[in-house]
PDB file of N, CA and C in Angstrom:
ATOM      1  N   MET A   1       0.857  -1.225   0.037  1.00  0.00           N
ATOM      2  CA  MET A   1       0.025   0.057   0.072  1.00  0.00           C
ATOM      3  C   MET A   1       0.888   1.323  -0.033  1.00  0.00           C
ATOM      4  N   ARG A   2       0.351   2.180  -0.835  1.00  0.00           N
ATOM      5  CA  ARG A   2       1.149   3.394  -1.093  1.00  0.00           C
ATOM      6  C   ARG A   2       1.087   4.268   0.157  1.00  0.00           C
ATOM      7  N   LYS A   3       1.841   5.153   0.769  1.00  0.00           N
ATOM      8  CA  LYS A   3       1.790   5.914   1.785  1.00  0.00           C
ATOM      9  C   LYS A   3       0.800   7.301   1.295  1.00  0.00           C
ATOM     10  N   ARG A   4      -0.256   7.780   2.077  1.00  0.00           N
ATOM     11  CA  ARG A   4      -1.184   8.313   1.456  1.00  0.00           C
ATOM     12  C   ARG A   4      -0.332  10.005   1.149  1.00  0.00           C
ATOM     13  N   ILE A   5      -0.947  10.851   0.372  1.00  0.00           N
ATOM     14  CA  ILE A   5      -0.291  12.152   0.200  1.00  0.00           C
ATOM     15  C   ILE A   5      -1.211  13.034   0.821  1.00  0.00           C
ATOM     16  N   PRO A   6      -0.670  13.617   1.728  1.00  0.00           N
ATOM     17  CA  PRO A   6      -1.520  14.712   2.518  1.00  0.00           C
ATOM     18  C   PRO A   6      -1.762  15.761   1.804  1.00  0.00           C
ATOM     19  N   ILE A   7      -3.127  16.246   1.962  1.00  0.00           N
ATOM     20  CA  ILE A   7      -3.679  17.485   1.319  1.00  0.00           C
ATOM     21  C   ILE A   7      -2.988  18.703   1.997  1.00  0.00           C
ATOM     22  N   PRO A   8      -2.217  19.672   0.863  1.00  0.00           N
ATOM     23  CA  PRO A   8      -1.694  20.736   1.280  1.00  0.00           C
ATOM     24  C   PRO A   8      -2.464  21.775   2.170  1.00  0.00           C
ATOM     25  N   LYS A   9      -2.149  22.293   3.076  1.00  0.00           N
ATOM     26  CA  LYS A   9      -2.890  23.151   4.183  1.00  0.00           C
ATOM     27  C   LYS A   9      -3.481  24.071   3.326  1.00  0.00           C
ATOM     28  N   ILE A  10      -2.841  24.858   2.105  1.00  0.00           N
ATOM     29  CA  ILE A  10      -3.539  25.965   1.488  1.00  0.00           C
ATOM     30  C   ILE A  10      -4.926  25.424   0.555  1.00  0.00           C
ATOM     31  N   THR A  11      -4.512  24.045   0.163  1.00  0.00           N
ATOM     32  CA  THR A  11      -5.812  23.373  -0.594  1.00  0.00           C
ATOM     33  C   THR A  11      -6.952  23.346   0.477  1.00  0.00           C
ATOM     34  N   ARG A  12      -6.650  23.091   1.623  1.00  0.00           N
ATOM     35  CA  ARG A  12      -7.666  22.676   2.685  1.00  0.00           C
ATOM     36  C   ARG A  12      -8.468  23.869   2.847  1.00  0.00           C
ATOM     37  N   GLU A  13      -7.723  24.887   2.963  1.00  0.00           N
ATOM     38  CA  GLU A  13      -8.194  26.302   3.232  1.00  0.00           C
ATOM     39  C   GLU A  13      -9.134  26.781   2.057  1.00  0.00           C
ATOM     40  N   ILE A  14      -8.630  26.541   0.996  1.00  0.00           N
ATOM     41  CA  ILE A  14      -9.437  27.101  -0.268  1.00  0.00           C
ATOM     42  C   ILE A  14     -10.845  26.227  -0.238  1.00  0.00           C
ATOM     43  N   VAL A  15     -10.613  24.806  -0.040  1.00  0.00           N
ATOM     44  CA  VAL A  15     -11.818  24.151   0.006  1.00  0.00           C
ATOM     45  C   VAL A  15     -12.806  24.515   0.967  1.00  0.00           C
ATOM     46  N   LYS A  16     -12.430  24.817   2.082  1.00  0.00           N
ATOM     47  CA  LYS A  16     -13.280  25.501   3.190  1.00  0.00           C
ATOM     48  C   LYS A  16     -13.908  26.745   2.869  1.00  0.00           C
ATOM     49  N   MET A  17     -12.944  27.607   2.227  1.00  0.00           N
ATOM     50  CA  MET A  17     -13.646  28.847   1.826  1.00  0.00           C
ATOM     51  C   MET A  17     -14.372  28.914   0.646  1.00  0.00           C
ATOM     52  N   MET A  18     -14.376  28.057   0.008  1.00  0.00           N
ATOM     53  CA  MET A  18     -15.254  27.695  -1.547  1.00  0.00           C
ATOM     54  C   MET A  18     -16.491  27.153  -0.879  1.00  0.00           C
ATOM     55  N   ALA A  19     -16.495  26.504   0.033  1.00  0.00           N
ATOM     56  CA  ALA A  19     -17.711  25.805   0.641  1.00  0.00           C
ATOM     57  C   ALA A  19     -18.384  26.645   1.693  1.00  0.00           C
ATOM     58  N   ASN A  20     -17.856  27.860   1.956  1.00  0.00           N
ATOM     59  CA  ASN A  20     -18.340  28.805   2.892  1.00  0.00           C
ATOM     60  C   ASN A  20     -18.623  28.421   4.193  1.00  0.00           C
ATOM     61  N   TYR A  21     -17.408  27.504   4.476  1.00  0.00           N
ATOM     62  CA  TYR A  21     -17.290  26.967   5.846  1.00  0.00           C
ATOM     63  C   TYR A  21     -18.511  25.968   6.586  1.00  0.00           C
ATOM     64  N   CYS A  22     -19.363  25.472   5.315  1.00  0.00           N
ATOM     65  CA  CYS A  22     -20.342  24.694   5.597  1.00  0.00           C
ATOM     66  C   CYS A  22     -20.241  23.406   5.020  1.00  0.00           C
ATOM     67  N   CYS A  23     -20.793  22.463   5.583  1.00  0.00           N
ATOM     68  CA  CYS A  23     -20.729  20.893   5.134  1.00  0.00           C
ATOM     69  C   CYS A  23     -21.464  20.966   3.951  1.00  0.00           C
ATOM     70  N   GLN A  24     -21.114  20.271   2.964  1.00  0.00           N
ATOM     71  CA  GLN A  24     -21.663  20.449   1.615  1.00  0.00           C
ATOM     72  C   GLN A  24     -22.814  19.390   1.490  1.00  0.00           C
ATOM     73  N   ARG A  25     -23.169  18.642   2.224  1.00  0.00           N
ATOM     74  CA  ARG A  25     -24.149  17.614   2.349  1.00  0.00           C
ATOM     75  C   ARG A  25     -25.499  18.263   3.059  1.00  0.00           C
ATOM     76  N   CYS A  26     -25.151  18.562   4.491  1.00  0.00           N
ATOM     77  CA  CYS A  26     -26.141  19.001   5.484  1.00  0.00           C
ATOM     78  C   CYS A  26     -26.460  20.204   5.677  1.00  0.00           C
ATOM     79  N   GLY A  27     -25.238  21.129   5.401  1.00  0.00           N
ATOM     80  CA  GLY A  27     -25.198  22.424   5.554  1.00  0.00           C
ATOM     81  C   GLY A  27     -24.774  23.018   6.864  1.00  0.00           C
ATOM     82  N   MET A  28     -24.238  22.214   7.770  1.00  0.00           N
ATOM     83  CA  MET A  28     -23.801  22.387   9.171  1.00  0.00           C
ATOM     84  C   MET A  28     -22.739  23.404   9.081  1.00  0.00           C
ATOM     85  N   SER A  29     -22.729  24.675   9.800  1.00  0.00           N
ATOM     86  CA  SER A  29     -21.578  25.357   9.789  1.00  0.00           C
ATOM     87  C   SER A  29     -20.394  24.981  10.385  1.00  0.00           C
ATOM     88  N   LEU A  30     -19.197  24.966   9.903  1.00  0.00           N
ATOM     89  CA  LEU A  30     -18.310  24.182  10.414  1.00  0.00           C
ATOM     90  C   LEU A  30     -17.110  25.336  10.603  1.00  0.00           C
ATOM     91  N   LYS A  31     -17.376  26.571  10.438  1.00  0.00           N
ATOM     92  CA  LYS A  31     -16.393  27.761  10.796  1.00  0.00           C
ATOM     93  C   LYS A  31     -15.449  27.564  12.008  1.00  0.00           C
ATOM     94  N   ARG A  32     -15.933  27.227  13.030  1.00  0.00           N
ATOM     95  CA  ARG A  32     -15.333  26.940  14.395  1.00  0.00           C
ATOM     96  C   ARG A  32     -15.625  25.401  14.844  1.00  0.00           C
ATOM     97  N   SER A  33     -15.645  24.518  14.139  1.00  0.00           N
ATOM     98  CA  SER A  33     -15.738  23.256  14.444  1.00  0.00           C
ATOM     99  C   SER A  33     -14.683  22.234  14.333  1.00  0.00           C
ATOM    100  N   LYS A  34     -14.588  21.263  15.220  1.00  0.00           N
ATOM    101  CA  LYS A  34     -13.818  20.144  15.173  1.00  0.00           C
ATOM    102  C   LYS A  34     -14.306  19.149  13.920  1.00  0.00           C
ATOM    103  N   LEU A  35     -15.320  19.425  13.860  1.00  0.00           N
ATOM    104  CA  LEU A  35     -16.208  18.422  12.860  1.00  0.00           C
ATOM    105  C   LEU A  35     -15.932  18.590  11.528  1.00  0.00           C
ATOM    106  N   ALA A  36     -15.220  19.508  10.833  1.00  0.00           N
ATOM    107  CA  ALA A  36     -14.909  19.718   9.459  1.00  0.00           C
ATOM    108  C   ALA A  36     -13.864  18.788   9.104  1.00  0.00           C
ATOM    109  N   GLN A  37     -14.451  18.212   8.039  1.00  0.00           N
ATOM    110  CA  GLN A  37     -13.119  17.092   7.247  1.00  0.00           C
ATOM    111  C   GLN A  37     -13.284  17.301   5.805  1.00  0.00           C
ATOM    112  N   ILE A  38     -12.107  17.143   5.244  1.00  0.00           N
ATOM    113  CA  ILE A  38     -12.034  17.078   3.660  1.00  0.00           C
ATOM    114  C   ILE A  38     -12.215  15.774   3.181  1.00  0.00           C
ATOM    115  N   HIS A  39     -13.248  15.770   2.147  1.00  0.00           N
ATOM    116  CA  HIS A  39     -13.498  14.333   1.635  1.00  0.00           C
ATOM    117  C   HIS A  39     -13.159  14.164   0.201  1.00  0.00           C
ATOM    118  N   HIS A  40     -12.348  13.023  -0.133  1.00  0.00           N
ATOM    119  CA  HIS A  40     -11.956  12.775  -1.652  1.00  0.00           C
ATOM    120  C   HIS A  40     -13.466  11.863  -2.333  1.00  0.00           C
ATOM    121  N   ILE A  41     -13.842  13.103  -3.285  1.00  0.00           N
ATOM    122  CA  ILE A  41     -15.360  12.553  -3.915  1.00  0.00           C
ATOM    123  C   ILE A  41     -14.968  11.202  -4.564  1.00  0.00           C
ATOM    124  N   ASP A  42     -13.820  10.945  -5.266  1.00  0.00           N
ATOM    125  CA  ASP A  42     -13.478   9.822  -5.934  1.00  0.00           C
ATOM    126  C   ASP A  42     -12.838   8.710  -4.899  1.00  0.00           C
ATOM    127  N   ARG A  43     -13.021   8.941  -3.824  1.00  0.00           N
ATOM    128  CA  ARG A  43     -12.374   7.940  -2.737  1.00  0.00           C
ATOM    129  C   ARG A  43     -10.781   7.448  -3.102  1.00  0.00           C
ATOM    130  N   ASN A  44     -10.266   8.375  -3.777  1.00  0.00           N
ATOM    131  CA  ASN A  44      -8.741   8.146  -4.103  1.00  0.00           C
ATOM    132  C   ASN A  44      -8.022   9.080  -3.025  1.00  0.00           C
ATOM    133  N   PRO A  45      -7.338   8.538  -1.886  1.00  0.00           N
ATOM    134  CA  PRO A  45      -6.701   9.687  -0.832  1.00  0.00           C
ATOM    135  C   PRO A  45      -5.547  10.299  -1.637  1.00  0.00           C
ATOM    136  N   ASN A  46      -5.029   9.933  -2.701  1.00  0.00           N
ATOM    137  CA  ASN A  46      -3.907  10.440  -3.215  1.00  0.00           C
ATOM    138  C   ASN A  46      -4.227  11.447  -4.299  1.00  0.00           C
ATOM    139  N   ASN A  47      -5.563  11.712  -4.655  1.00  0.00           N
ATOM    140  CA  ASN A  47      -6.046  12.635  -5.510  1.00  0.00           C
ATOM    141  C   ASN A  47      -6.490  13.841  -4.982  1.00  0.00           C
ATOM    142  N   ASN A  48      -5.646  14.803  -4.688  1.00  0.00           N
ATOM    143  CA  ASN A  48      -5.902  15.918  -4.009  1.00  0.00           C
ATOM    144  C   ASN A  48      -6.173  17.028  -4.897  1.00  0.00           C
ATOM    145  N   ASN A  49      -6.710  16.893  -6.072  1.00  0.00           N
ATOM    146  CA  ASN A  49      -6.976  17.854  -6.960  1.00  0.00           C
ATOM    147  C   ASN A  49      -8.370  18.508  -6.455  1.00  0.00           C
ATOM    148  N   MET A  50      -8.579  19.884  -6.511  1.00  0.00           N
ATOM    149  CA  MET A  50      -9.474  20.670  -6.079  1.00  0.00           C
ATOM    150  C   MET A  50     -11.049  20.132  -6.473  1.00  0.00           C
ATOM    151  N   GLU A  51     -11.171  19.932  -7.522  1.00  0.00           N
ATOM    152  CA  GLU A  51     -12.459  19.354  -8.083  1.00  0.00           C
ATOM    153  C   GLU A  51     -12.646  18.023  -7.383  1.00  0.00           C
ATOM    154  N   ASN A  52     -11.856  17.221  -6.864  1.00  0.00           N
ATOM    155  CA  ASN A  52     -12.127  16.003  -6.125  1.00  0.00           C
ATOM    156  C   ASN A  52     -12.453  16.167  -4.388  1.00  0.00           C
ATOM    157  N   LEU A  53     -12.118  17.449  -4.028  1.00  0.00           N
ATOM    158  CA  LEU A  53     -12.296  17.604  -2.553  1.00  0.00           C
ATOM    159  C   LEU A  53     -13.587  18.445  -2.367  1.00  0.00           C
ATOM    160  N   GLU A  54     -13.992  17.923  -1.170  1.00  0.00           N
ATOM    161  CA  GLU A  54     -15.288  18.634  -0.700  1.00  0.00           C
ATOM    162  C   GLU A  54     -15.401  18.718   0.817  1.00  0.00           C
ATOM    163  N   LEU A  55     -15.986  19.775   1.478  1.00  0.00           N
ATOM    164  CA  LEU A  55     -15.799  19.714   2.842  1.00  0.00           C
ATOM    165  C   LEU A  55     -17.131  19.286   3.396  1.00  0.00           C
ATOM    166  N   LEU A  56     -16.937  18.404   4.297  1.00  0.00           N
ATOM    167  CA  LEU A  56     -17.897  17.645   5.215  1.00  0.00           C
ATOM    168  C   LEU A  56     -17.895  17.904   6.578  1.00  0.00           C
ATOM    169  N   CYS A  57     -19.186  17.783   7.278  1.00  0.00           N
ATOM    170  CA  CYS A  57     -18.719  17.442   8.633  1.00  0.00           C
ATOM    171  C   CYS A  57     -18.643  16.113   8.958  1.00  0.00           C
ATOM    172  N   TRP A  58     -18.272  15.804  10.187  1.00  0.00           N
ATOM    173  CA  TRP A  58     -17.882  14.372  10.484  1.00  0.00           C
ATOM    174  C   TRP A  58     -18.933  13.363  10.298  1.00  0.00           C
ATOM    175  N   TYR A  59     -19.928  13.860  10.773  1.00  0.00           N
ATOM    176  CA  TYR A  59     -21.423  12.833  10.600  1.00  0.00           C
ATOM    177  C   TYR A  59     -21.594  12.518   9.108  1.00  0.00           C
ATOM    178  N   CYS A  60     -21.743  13.405   8.111  1.00  0.00           N
ATOM    179  CA  CYS A  60     -21.759  13.281   6.820  1.00  0.00           C
ATOM    180  C   CYS A  60     -20.669  12.353   6.147  1.00  0.00           C
ATOM    181  N   HIS A  61     -19.498  12.897   6.922  1.00  0.00           N
ATOM    182  CA  HIS A  61     -18.133  11.888   6.173  1.00  0.00           C
ATOM    183  C   HIS A  61     -18.276  10.332   6.848  1.00  0.00           C
ATOM    184  N   TRP A  62     -18.880  10.357   7.948  1.00  0.00           N
ATOM    185  CA  TRP A  62     -19.012   8.923   8.446  1.00  0.00           C
ATOM    186  C   TRP A  62     -19.730   8.016   7.409  1.00  0.00           C
ATOM    187  N   GLY A  63     -20.915   8.832   7.065  1.00  0.00           N
ATOM    188  CA  GLY A  63     -21.753   8.112   6.135  1.00  0.00           C
ATOM    189  C   GLY A  63     -21.385   7.815   4.810  1.00  0.00           C
ATOM    190  N   GLU A  64     -20.445   8.634   4.351  1.00  0.00           N
ATOM    191  CA  GLU A  64     -19.543   8.088   3.025  1.00  0.00           C
ATOM    192  C   GLU A  64     -18.935   6.983   3.177  1.00  0.00           C
ATOM    193  N   HIS A  65     -18.276   6.600   3.943  1.00  0.00           N
ATOM    194  CA  HIS A  65     -17.248   5.461   4.074  1.00  0.00           C
ATOM    195  C   HIS A  65     -17.653   4.204   4.715  1.00  0.00           C
ATOM    196  N   GLU A  66     -17.106   3.042   4.369  1.00  0.00           N
ATOM    197  CA  GLU A  66     -17.531   1.826   4.833  1.00  0.00           C
ATOM    198  C   GLU A  66     -16.327   1.534   6.159  1.00  0.00           C
ATOM    199  N   CYS A  67     -15.201   2.390   6.289  1.00  0.00           N
ATOM    200  CA  CYS A  67     -14.399   2.273   7.116  1.00  0.00           C
ATOM    201  C   CYS A  67     -14.689   2.860   8.644  1.00  0.00           C
ATOM    202  N   LYS A  68     -15.856   2.463   8.969  1.00  0.00           N
ATOM    203  CA  LYS A  68     -16.438   2.903  10.344  1.00  0.00           C
ATOM    204  C   LYS A  68     -15.780   2.852  11.655  1.00  0.00           C
ATOM    205  N   GLU A  69     -15.001   1.617  11.571  1.00  0.00           N
ATOM    206  CA  GLU A  69     -13.882   1.556  12.562  1.00  0.00           C
ATOM    207  C   GLU A  69     -12.920   2.590  12.703  1.00  0.00           C
ATOM    208  N   ASP A  70     -12.353   3.027  11.510  1.00  0.00           N
ATOM    209  CA  ASP A  70     -11.310   4.091  11.420  1.00  0.00           C
ATOM    210  C   ASP A  70     -12.014   5.459  12.006  1.00  0.00           C
ATOM    211  N   MET A  71     -13.250   5.724  11.400  1.00  0.00           N
ATOM    212  CA  MET A  71     -13.923   6.891  11.596  1.00  0.00           C
ATOM    213  C   MET A  71     -14.342   7.172  13.009  1.00  0.00           C
ATOM    214  N   LEU A  72     -14.555   5.951  13.766  1.00  0.00           N
ATOM    215  CA  LEU A  72     -14.810   5.894  15.404  1.00  0.00           C
ATOM    216  C   LEU A  72     -13.641   6.176  16.024  1.00  0.00           C
ATOM    217  N   ILE A  73     -12.493   5.638  15.688  1.00  0.00           N
ATOM    218  CA  ILE A  73     -11.497   5.951  16.348  1.00  0.00           C
ATOM    219  C   ILE A  73     -11.055   7.353  16.251  1.00  0.00           C
ATOM    220  N   PHE A  74     -11.181   8.029  14.873  1.00  0.00           N
ATOM    221  CA  PHE A  74     -10.957   9.342  14.877  1.00  0.00           C
ATOM    222  C   PHE A  74     -11.922   9.995  15.849  1.00  0.00           C
ATOM    223  N   ALA A  75     -13.234   9.745  15.881  1.00  0.00           N
ATOM    224  CA  ALA A  75     -14.149  10.607  16.696  1.00  0.00           C
ATOM    225  C   ALA A  75     -13.739  10.696  18.411  1.00  0.00           C
ATOM    226  N   ILE A  76     -13.219   9.321  18.580  1.00  0.00           N
ATOM    227  CA  ILE A  76     -12.872   9.214  19.950  1.00  0.00           C
ATOM    228  C   ILE A  76     -11.803  10.053  20.334  1.00  0.00           C
ATOM    229  N   ASN A  77     -10.622   9.847  19.295  1.00  0.00           N
ATOM    230  CA  ASN A  77      -9.395  10.728  19.573  1.00  0.00           C
ATOM    231  C   ASN A  77      -9.708  12.083  19.757  1.00  0.00           C
ATOM    232  N   LYS A  78     -10.789  12.746  18.644  1.00  0.00           N
ATOM    233  CA  LYS A  78     -11.094  14.238  18.545  1.00  0.00           C
ATOM    234  C   LYS A  78     -12.140  14.524  19.696  1.00  0.00           C
ATOM    235  N   GLU A  79     -12.664  13.662  20.469  1.00  0.00           N
ATOM    236  CA  GLU A  79     -13.497  13.903  21.578  1.00  0.00           C
ATOM    237  C   GLU A  79     -14.755  14.244  20.827  1.00  0.00           C
ATOM    238  N   LEU A  80     -15.151  13.664  19.632  1.00  0.00           N
ATOM    239  CA  LEU A  80     -16.269  14.259  19.081  1.00  0.00           C
ATOM    240  C   LEU A  80     -17.640  13.336  19.708  1.00  0.00           C
ATOM    241  N   ILE A  81     -17.278  12.166  20.065  1.00  0.00           N
ATOM    242  CA  ILE A  81     -18.173  11.219  20.634  1.00  0.00           C
ATOM    243  C   ILE A  81     -17.778  10.873  22.212  1.00  0.00           C
TER     244      ILE A  81
END
């Protein structure tokens, strides 16, 4: 398995600004939230093209993936649940 290519910080900020700091699925405001996550639309974590990234809240991101265990560990570590 290849090492995941991190999303550059500037790209993350642009994605957040373009989404007006709101989840692109449910509309939750994420401006001051630990729930904000960047989702790879094509599910390829190495495709960090802007067109492939969207801002989701943790709850919507959870629903997008089958790796529920990893998402649960993330939530516990970030004290989201």
